[in-house]
PDB file of N, CA and C in Angstrom:
ATOM      1  N   UNK A   1    -108.343  97.402 -33.078  1.00  0.00           N
ATOM      2  CA  UNK A   1    -109.237  98.431 -32.581  1.00  0.00           C
ATOM      3  C   UNK A   1    -108.787  98.929 -31.211  1.00  0.00           C
ATOM      4  N   UNK A   2    -108.366  98.018 -30.350  1.00  0.00           N
ATOM      5  CA  UNK A   2    -107.931  98.421 -29.003  1.00  0.00           C
ATOM      6  C   UNK A   2    -106.731  99.346 -29.066  1.00  0.00           C
ATOM      7  N   UNK A   3    -105.785  99.044 -29.960  1.00  0.00           N
ATOM      8  CA  UNK A   3    -104.600  99.876 -30.091  1.00  0.00           C
ATOM      9  C   UNK A   3    -104.990 101.269 -30.588  1.00  0.00           C
ATOM     10  N   UNK A   4    -105.923 101.340 -31.506  1.00  0.00           N
ATOM     11  CA  UNK A   4    -106.390 102.626 -32.022  1.00  0.00           C
ATOM     12  C   UNK A   4    -107.043 103.454 -30.909  1.00  0.00           C
ATOM     13  N   UNK A   5    -107.857 102.798 -30.086  1.00  0.00           N
ATOM     14  CA  UNK A   5    -108.483 103.484 -28.954  1.00  0.00           C
ATOM     15  C   UNK A   5    -107.409 104.057 -28.038  1.00  0.00           C
ATOM     16  N   UNK A   6    -106.415 103.272 -27.730  1.00  0.00           N
ATOM     17  CA  UNK A   6    -105.360 103.722 -26.822  1.00  0.00           C
ATOM     18  C   UNK A   6    -104.582 104.896 -27.412  1.00  0.00           C
ATOM     19  N   UNK A   7    -104.388 104.909 -28.734  1.00  0.00           N
ATOM     20  CA  UNK A   7    -103.671 106.015 -29.378  1.00  0.00           C
ATOM     21  C   UNK A   7    -104.480 107.308 -29.334  1.00  0.00           C
ATOM     22  N   UNK A   8    -105.786 107.208 -29.514  1.00  0.00           N
ATOM     23  CA  UNK A   8    -106.648 108.388 -29.559  1.00  0.00           C
ATOM     24  C   UNK A   8    -107.094 108.862 -28.182  1.00  0.00           C
ATOM     25  N   UNK A   9    -107.009 108.002 -27.199  1.00  0.00           N
ATOM     26  CA  UNK A   9    -107.680 108.243 -25.929  1.00  0.00           C
ATOM     27  C   UNK A   9    -107.162 109.473 -25.190  1.00  0.00           C
ATOM     28  N   UNK A  10    -105.884 109.737 -25.251  1.00  0.00           N
ATOM     29  CA  UNK A  10    -105.334 110.910 -24.554  1.00  0.00           C
ATOM     30  C   UNK A  10    -105.974 112.188 -25.081  1.00  0.00           C
ATOM     31  N   UNK A  11    -106.124 112.300 -26.389  1.00  0.00           N
ATOM     32  CA  UNK A  11    -106.764 113.468 -26.981  1.00  0.00           C
ATOM     33  C   UNK A  11    -108.221 113.580 -26.588  1.00  0.00           C
ATOM     34  N   UNK A  12    -108.898 112.436 -26.547  1.00  0.00           N
ATOM     35  CA  UNK A  12    -110.309 112.422 -26.161  1.00  0.00           C
ATOM     36  C   UNK A  12    -110.472 112.867 -24.704  1.00  0.00           C
ATOM     37  N   UNK A  13    -109.603 112.370 -23.835  1.00  0.00           N
ATOM     38  CA  UNK A  13    -109.664 112.776 -22.423  1.00  0.00           C
ATOM     39  C   UNK A  13    -109.375 114.261 -22.255  1.00  0.00           C
ATOM     40  N   UNK A  14    -108.442 114.774 -23.049  1.00  0.00           N
ATOM     41  CA  UNK A  14    -108.130 116.202 -23.006  1.00  0.00           C
ATOM     42  C   UNK A  14    -109.374 117.013 -23.367  1.00  0.00           C
ATOM     43  N   UNK A  15    -110.059 116.598 -24.449  1.00  0.00           N
ATOM     44  CA  UNK A  15    -111.285 117.293 -24.860  1.00  0.00           C
ATOM     45  C   UNK A  15    -112.366 117.195 -23.784  1.00  0.00           C
ATOM     46  N   UNK A  16    -112.497 116.007 -23.195  1.00  0.00           N
ATOM     47  CA  UNK A  16    -113.479 115.824 -22.127  1.00  0.00           C
ATOM     48  C   UNK A  16    -113.178 116.766 -20.961  1.00  0.00           C
ATOM     49  N   UNK A  17    -111.919 116.833 -20.568  1.00  0.00           N
ATOM     50  CA  UNK A  17    -111.514 117.726 -19.480  1.00  0.00           C
ATOM     51  C   UNK A  17    -111.805 119.179 -19.787  1.00  0.00           C
ATOM     52  N   UNK A  18    -111.574 119.586 -21.029  1.00  0.00           N
ATOM     53  CA  UNK A  18    -111.874 120.969 -21.422  1.00  0.00           C
ATOM     54  C   UNK A  18    -113.359 121.268 -21.320  1.00  0.00           C
ATOM     55  N   UNK A  19    -114.183 120.345 -21.766  1.00  0.00           N
ATOM     56  CA  UNK A  19    -115.639 120.540 -21.710  1.00  0.00           C
ATOM     57  C   UNK A  19    -116.118 120.643 -20.254  1.00  0.00           C
ATOM     58  N   UNK A  20    -115.603 119.753 -19.423  1.00  0.00           N
ATOM     59  CA  UNK A  20    -115.983 119.779 -18.004  1.00  0.00           C
ATOM     60  C   UNK A  20    -115.475 121.071 -17.361  1.00  0.00           C
ATOM     61  N   UNK A  21    -114.250 121.463 -17.719  1.00  0.00           N
ATOM     62  CA  UNK A  21    -113.682 122.705 -17.212  1.00  0.00           C
ATOM     63  C   UNK A  21    -114.470 123.934 -17.621  1.00  0.00           C
ATOM     64  N   UNK A  22    -115.149 123.856 -18.766  1.00  0.00           N
ATOM     65  CA  UNK A  22    -116.000 124.949 -19.235  1.00  0.00           C
ATOM     66  C   UNK A  22    -117.346 124.975 -18.525  1.00  0.00           C
ATOM     67  N   UNK A  23    -117.582 123.986 -17.645  1.00  0.00           N
ATOM     68  CA  UNK A  23    -118.808 123.976 -16.859  1.00  0.00           C
ATOM     69  C   UNK A  23    -119.898 123.051 -17.369  1.00  0.00           C
ATOM     70  N   UNK A  24    -119.623 122.280 -18.428  1.00  0.00           N
ATOM     71  CA  UNK A  24    -120.637 121.326 -18.896  1.00  0.00           C
ATOM     72  C   UNK A  24    -120.745 120.159 -17.923  1.00  0.00           C
ATOM     73  N   UNK A  25    -121.956 119.685 -17.687  1.00  0.00           N
ATOM     74  CA  UNK A  25    -122.095 118.469 -16.871  1.00  0.00           C
ATOM     75  C   UNK A  25    -121.386 117.301 -17.569  1.00  0.00           C
ATOM     76  N   UNK A  26    -120.859 116.389 -16.788  1.00  0.00           N
ATOM     77  CA  UNK A  26    -120.103 115.261 -17.333  1.00  0.00           C
ATOM     78  C   UNK A  26    -120.923 114.488 -18.355  1.00  0.00           C
ATOM     79  N   UNK A  27    -122.204 114.321 -18.066  1.00  0.00           N
ATOM     80  CA  UNK A  27    -123.070 113.547 -18.952  1.00  0.00           C
ATOM     81  C   UNK A  27    -123.139 114.176 -20.345  1.00  0.00           C
ATOM     82  N   UNK A  28    -123.205 115.484 -20.414  1.00  0.00           N
ATOM     83  CA  UNK A  28    -123.264 116.190 -21.688  1.00  0.00           C
ATOM     84  C   UNK A  28    -121.885 116.244 -22.330  1.00  0.00           C
ATOM     85  N   UNK A  29    -120.855 116.376 -21.521  1.00  0.00           N
ATOM     86  CA  UNK A  29    -119.493 116.445 -22.041  1.00  0.00           C
ATOM     87  C   UNK A  29    -119.128 115.183 -22.816  1.00  0.00           C
ATOM     88  N   UNK A  30    -119.526 114.013 -22.322  1.00  0.00           N
ATOM     89  CA  UNK A  30    -119.253 112.774 -23.055  1.00  0.00           C
ATOM     90  C   UNK A  30    -119.901 112.814 -24.437  1.00  0.00           C
ATOM     91  N   UNK A  31    -121.126 113.285 -24.501  1.00  0.00           N
ATOM     92  CA  UNK A  31    -121.845 113.362 -25.771  1.00  0.00           C
ATOM     93  C   UNK A  31    -121.155 114.334 -26.730  1.00  0.00           C
ATOM     94  N   UNK A  32    -120.730 115.473 -26.228  1.00  0.00           N
ATOM     95  CA  UNK A  32    -120.066 116.478 -27.074  1.00  0.00           C
ATOM     96  C   UNK A  32    -118.750 115.944 -27.643  1.00  0.00           C
ATOM     97  N   UNK A  33    -117.964 115.275 -26.813  1.00  0.00           N
ATOM     98  CA  UNK A  33    -116.698 114.704 -27.290  1.00  0.00           C
ATOM     99  C   UNK A  33    -116.972 113.602 -28.317  1.00  0.00           C
ATOM    100  N   UNK A  34    -117.998 112.805 -28.082  1.00  0.00           N
ATOM    101  CA  UNK A  34    -118.371 111.763 -29.044  1.00  0.00           C
ATOM    102  C   UNK A  34    -118.705 112.386 -30.395  1.00  0.00           C
ATOM    103  N   UNK A  35    -119.418 113.510 -30.386  1.00  0.00           N
ATOM    104  CA  UNK A  35    -119.773 114.194 -31.635  1.00  0.00           C
ATOM    105  C   UNK A  35    -118.534 114.711 -32.357  1.00  0.00           C
ATOM    106  N   UNK A  36    -117.629 115.333 -31.603  1.00  0.00           N
ATOM    107  CA  UNK A  36    -116.413 115.898 -32.200  1.00  0.00           C
ATOM    108  C   UNK A  36    -115.524 114.792 -32.782  1.00  0.00           C
ATOM    109  N   UNK A  37    -115.507 113.652 -32.121  1.00  0.00           N
ATOM    110  CA  UNK A  37    -114.638 112.547 -32.549  1.00  0.00           C
ATOM    111  C   UNK A  37    -115.409 111.502 -33.353  1.00  0.00           C
ATOM    112  N   UNK A  38    -116.512 111.913 -33.944  1.00  0.00           N
ATOM    113  CA  UNK A  38    -117.348 111.025 -34.740  1.00  0.00           C
ATOM    114  C   UNK A  38    -116.503 110.288 -35.793  1.00  0.00           C
ATOM    115  N   UNK A  39    -116.721 108.995 -35.905  1.00  0.00           N
ATOM    116  CA  UNK A  39    -115.993 108.196 -36.886  1.00  0.00           C
ATOM    117  C   UNK A  39    -114.699 107.592 -36.377  1.00  0.00           C
ATOM    118  N   UNK A  40    -114.342 107.914 -35.137  1.00  0.00           N
ATOM    119  CA  UNK A  40    -113.135 107.338 -34.542  1.00  0.00           C
ATOM    120  C   UNK A  40    -113.523 106.307 -33.494  1.00  0.00           C
ATOM    121  N   UNK A  41    -112.580 105.472 -33.132  1.00  0.00           N
ATOM    122  CA  UNK A  41    -112.837 104.476 -32.089  1.00  0.00           C
ATOM    123  C   UNK A  41    -113.145 105.166 -30.766  1.00  0.00           C
ATOM    124  N   UNK A  42    -112.399 106.210 -30.454  1.00  0.00           N
ATOM    125  CA  UNK A  42    -112.653 106.952 -29.211  1.00  0.00           C
ATOM    126  C   UNK A  42    -114.024 107.601 -29.233  1.00  0.00           C
ATOM    127  N   UNK A  43    -114.430 108.109 -30.378  1.00  0.00           N
ATOM    128  CA  UNK A  43    -115.751 108.704 -30.507  1.00  0.00           C
ATOM    129  C   UNK A  43    -116.846 107.689 -30.230  1.00  0.00           C
ATOM    130  N   UNK A  44    -116.672 106.477 -30.734  1.00  0.00           N
ATOM    131  CA  UNK A  44    -117.651 105.415 -30.493  1.00  0.00           C
ATOM    132  C   UNK A  44    -117.671 105.010 -29.012  1.00  0.00           C
ATOM    133  N   UNK A  45    -116.495 104.966 -28.395  1.00  0.00           N
ATOM    134  CA  UNK A  45    -116.404 104.656 -26.971  1.00  0.00           C
ATOM    135  C   UNK A  45    -117.159 105.700 -26.147  1.00  0.00           C
ATOM    136  N   UNK A  46    -116.893 106.971 -26.419  1.00  0.00           N
ATOM    137  CA  UNK A  46    -117.549 108.047 -25.677  1.00  0.00           C
ATOM    138  C   UNK A  46    -119.048 108.076 -25.955  1.00  0.00           C
ATOM    139  N   UNK A  47    -119.449 107.734 -27.179  1.00  0.00           N
ATOM    140  CA  UNK A  47    -120.871 107.657 -27.501  1.00  0.00           C
ATOM    141  C   UNK A  47    -121.552 106.560 -26.686  1.00  0.00           C
ATOM    142  N   UNK A  48    -120.893 105.425 -26.549  1.00  0.00           N
ATOM    143  CA  UNK A  48    -121.452 104.333 -25.754  1.00  0.00           C
ATOM    144  C   UNK A  48    -121.581 104.736 -24.288  1.00  0.00           C
ATOM    145  N   UNK A  49    -120.585 105.414 -23.758  1.00  0.00           N
ATOM    146  CA  UNK A  49    -120.670 105.914 -22.382  1.00  0.00           C
ATOM    147  C   UNK A  49    -121.868 106.851 -22.256  1.00  0.00           C
ATOM    148  N   UNK A  50    -122.020 107.758 -23.211  1.00  0.00           N
ATOM    149  CA  UNK A  50    -123.135 108.706 -23.191  1.00  0.00           C
ATOM    150  C   UNK A  50    -124.481 107.989 -23.251  1.00  0.00           C
ATOM    151  N   UNK A  51    -124.606 106.988 -24.095  1.00  0.00           N
ATOM    152  CA  UNK A  51    -125.848 106.217 -24.205  1.00  0.00           C
ATOM    153  C   UNK A  51    -126.154 105.492 -22.901  1.00  0.00           C
ATOM    154  N   UNK A  52    -125.127 104.902 -22.298  1.00  0.00           N
ATOM    155  CA  UNK A  52    -125.327 104.206 -21.022  1.00  0.00           C
ATOM    156  C   UNK A  52    -125.858 105.158 -19.952  1.00  0.00           C
ATOM    157  N   UNK A  53    -125.359 106.375 -19.963  1.00  0.00           N
ATOM    158  CA  UNK A  53    -125.786 107.368 -18.973  1.00  0.00           C
ATOM    159  C   UNK A  53    -127.209 107.848 -19.269  1.00  0.00           C
ATOM    160  N   UNK A  54    -127.453 108.255 -20.509  1.00  0.00           N
ATOM    161  CA  UNK A  54    -128.729 108.905 -20.823  1.00  0.00           C
ATOM    162  C   UNK A  54    -129.884 107.926 -20.993  1.00  0.00           C
ATOM    163  N   UNK A  55    -129.634 106.787 -21.596  1.00  0.00           N
ATOM    164  CA  UNK A  55    -130.742 105.864 -21.872  1.00  0.00           C
ATOM    165  C   UNK A  55    -130.897 104.762 -20.831  1.00  0.00           C
ATOM    166  N   UNK A  56    -129.802 104.392 -20.182  1.00  0.00           N
ATOM    167  CA  UNK A  56    -129.880 103.323 -19.189  1.00  0.00           C
ATOM    168  C   UNK A  56    -129.841 103.852 -17.759  1.00  0.00           C
ATOM    169  N   UNK A  57    -129.621 105.156 -17.606  1.00  0.00           N
ATOM    170  CA  UNK A  57    -129.625 105.768 -16.280  1.00  0.00           C
ATOM    171  C   UNK A  57    -128.435 105.390 -15.419  1.00  0.00           C
ATOM    172  N   UNK A  58    -127.335 104.997 -16.045  1.00  0.00           N
ATOM    173  CA  UNK A  58    -126.143 104.596 -15.289  1.00  0.00           C
ATOM    174  C   UNK A  58    -125.384 105.831 -14.801  1.00  0.00           C
ATOM    175  N   UNK A  59    -124.635 105.649 -13.736  1.00  0.00           N
ATOM    176  CA  UNK A  59    -123.691 106.680 -13.310  1.00  0.00           C
ATOM    177  C   UNK A  59    -122.525 106.659 -14.300  1.00  0.00           C
ATOM    178  N   UNK A  60    -121.670 107.653 -14.250  1.00  0.00           N
ATOM    179  CA  UNK A  60    -120.511 107.679 -15.138  1.00  0.00           C
ATOM    180  C   UNK A  60    -119.639 106.450 -14.890  1.00  0.00           C
ATOM    181  N   UNK A  61    -119.425 106.117 -13.636  1.00  0.00           N
ATOM    182  CA  UNK A  61    -118.608 104.947 -13.310  1.00  0.00           C
ATOM    183  C   UNK A  61    -119.223 103.671 -13.885  1.00  0.00           C
ATOM    184  N   UNK A  62    -120.525 103.495 -13.703  1.00  0.00           N
ATOM    185  CA  UNK A  62    -121.192 102.311 -14.243  1.00  0.00           C
ATOM    186  C   UNK A  62    -121.141 102.294 -15.765  1.00  0.00           C
ATOM    187  N   UNK A  63    -121.329 103.446 -16.381  1.00  0.00           N
ATOM    188  CA  UNK A  63    -121.341 103.542 -17.838  1.00  0.00           C
ATOM    189  C   UNK A  63    -120.017 103.097 -18.448  1.00  0.00           C
ATOM    190  N   UNK A  64    -118.953 103.255 -17.703  1.00  0.00           N
ATOM    191  CA  UNK A  64    -117.633 102.861 -18.194  1.00  0.00           C
ATOM    192  C   UNK A  64    -117.247 101.463 -17.697  1.00  0.00           C
ATOM    193  N   UNK A  65    -117.436 101.196 -16.414  1.00  0.00           N
ATOM    194  CA  UNK A  65    -116.859 100.002 -15.797  1.00  0.00           C
ATOM    195  C   UNK A  65    -117.823  98.855 -15.500  1.00  0.00           C
ATOM    196  N   UNK A  66    -119.135  99.037 -15.700  1.00  0.00           N
ATOM    197  CA  UNK A  66    -120.070  97.960 -15.398  1.00  0.00           C
ATOM    198  C   UNK A  66    -119.657  96.685 -16.144  1.00  0.00           C
ATOM    199  N   UNK A  67    -119.645  95.572 -15.423  1.00  0.00           N
ATOM    200  CA  UNK A  67    -119.122  94.325 -15.993  1.00  0.00           C
ATOM    201  C   UNK A  67    -120.012  93.720 -17.069  1.00  0.00           C
ATOM    202  N   UNK A  68    -121.272  94.165 -17.155  1.00  0.00           N
ATOM    203  CA  UNK A  68    -122.171  93.630 -18.184  1.00  0.00           C
ATOM    204  C   UNK A  68    -122.408  94.615 -19.325  1.00  0.00           C
ATOM    205  N   UNK A  69    -122.552  95.907 -19.013  1.00  0.00           N
ATOM    206  CA  UNK A  69    -122.944  96.889 -20.029  1.00  0.00           C
ATOM    207  C   UNK A  69    -121.980  98.059 -20.166  1.00  0.00           C
ATOM    208  N   UNK A  70    -120.961  98.105 -19.334  1.00  0.00           N
ATOM    209  CA  UNK A  70    -120.019  99.220 -19.394  1.00  0.00           C
ATOM    210  C   UNK A  70    -119.260  99.256 -20.715  1.00  0.00           C
ATOM    211  N   UNK A  71    -118.832 100.437 -21.091  1.00  0.00           N
ATOM    212  CA  UNK A  71    -118.149 100.618 -22.370  1.00  0.00           C
ATOM    213  C   UNK A  71    -116.892  99.750 -22.493  1.00  0.00           C
ATOM    214  N   UNK A  72    -116.228  99.508 -21.378  1.00  0.00           N
ATOM    215  CA  UNK A  72    -115.001  98.702 -21.451  1.00  0.00           C
ATOM    216  C   UNK A  72    -115.260  97.241 -21.803  1.00  0.00           C
ATOM    217  N   UNK A  73    -116.485  96.780 -21.652  1.00  0.00           N
ATOM    218  CA  UNK A  73    -116.825  95.420 -22.069  1.00  0.00           C
ATOM    219  C   UNK A  73    -116.640  95.301 -23.582  1.00  0.00           C
ATOM    220  N   UNK A  74    -116.997  96.363 -24.309  1.00  0.00           N
ATOM    221  CA  UNK A  74    -116.949  96.364 -25.769  1.00  0.00           C
ATOM    222  C   UNK A  74    -115.626  96.878 -26.316  1.00  0.00           C
ATOM    223  N   UNK A  75    -114.862  97.560 -25.486  1.00  0.00           N
ATOM    224  CA  UNK A  75    -113.570  98.106 -25.881  1.00  0.00           C
ATOM    225  C   UNK A  75    -112.517  97.732 -24.840  1.00  0.00           C
ATOM    226  N   UNK A  76    -112.215  96.446 -24.719  1.00  0.00           N
ATOM    227  CA  UNK A  76    -111.221  96.056 -23.717  1.00  0.00           C
ATOM    228  C   UNK A  76    -109.856  96.663 -24.043  1.00  0.00           C
ATOM    229  N   UNK A  77    -109.145  97.026 -23.021  1.00  0.00           N
ATOM    230  CA  UNK A  77    -107.868  97.715 -23.204  1.00  0.00           C
ATOM    231  C   UNK A  77    -106.943  97.407 -22.037  1.00  0.00           C
ATOM    232  N   UNK A  78    -105.668  97.328 -22.341  1.00  0.00           N
ATOM    233  CA  UNK A  78    -104.700  97.139 -21.266  1.00  0.00           C
ATOM    234  C   UNK A  78    -104.504  98.423 -20.461  1.00  0.00           C
ATOM    235  N   UNK A  79    -104.840  99.575 -21.046  1.00  0.00           N
ATOM    236  CA  UNK A  79    -104.742 100.850 -20.330  1.00  0.00           C
ATOM    237  C   UNK A  79    -105.871 101.051 -19.335  1.00  0.00           C
ATOM    238  N   UNK A  80    -107.039 100.522 -19.695  1.00  0.00           N
ATOM    239  CA  UNK A  80    -108.232 100.702 -18.870  1.00  0.00           C
ATOM    240  C   UNK A  80    -108.775  99.319 -18.538  1.00  0.00           C
ATOM    241  N   UNK A  81    -108.951  99.039 -17.280  1.00  0.00           N
ATOM    242  CA  UNK A  81    -109.410  97.726 -16.877  1.00  0.00           C
ATOM    243  C   UNK A  81    -110.667  97.828 -16.040  1.00  0.00           C
ATOM    244  N   UNK A  82    -111.556  96.860 -16.241  1.00  0.00           N
ATOM    245  CA  UNK A  82    -112.760  96.776 -15.437  1.00  0.00           C
ATOM    246  C   UNK A  82    -112.337  96.350 -14.040  1.00  0.00           C
ATOM    247  N   UNK A  83    -112.790  97.084 -13.048  1.00  0.00           N
ATOM    248  CA  UNK A  83    -112.404  96.805 -11.656  1.00  0.00           C
ATOM    249  C   UNK A  83    -113.195  95.658 -11.088  1.00  0.00           C
TER     250      UNK A  83
END
């Protein structure tokens, strides 16, 4: 699963950047990318980030890197590390 995330992640980040560049707030952009990538590992990762932001009130940084609930806890990767 981790290898699949790493393979898809560049495309997901590109889509996220495009959404943000179009003026969408980051919180909504994560949700939109998750919808577009539905059924993929990256889509699930972005969905978890979106849930952390919208339902748990986390910042984007916390939603990704929080050591207890951040998305990287569930999708550990050598490309992305919890600080």
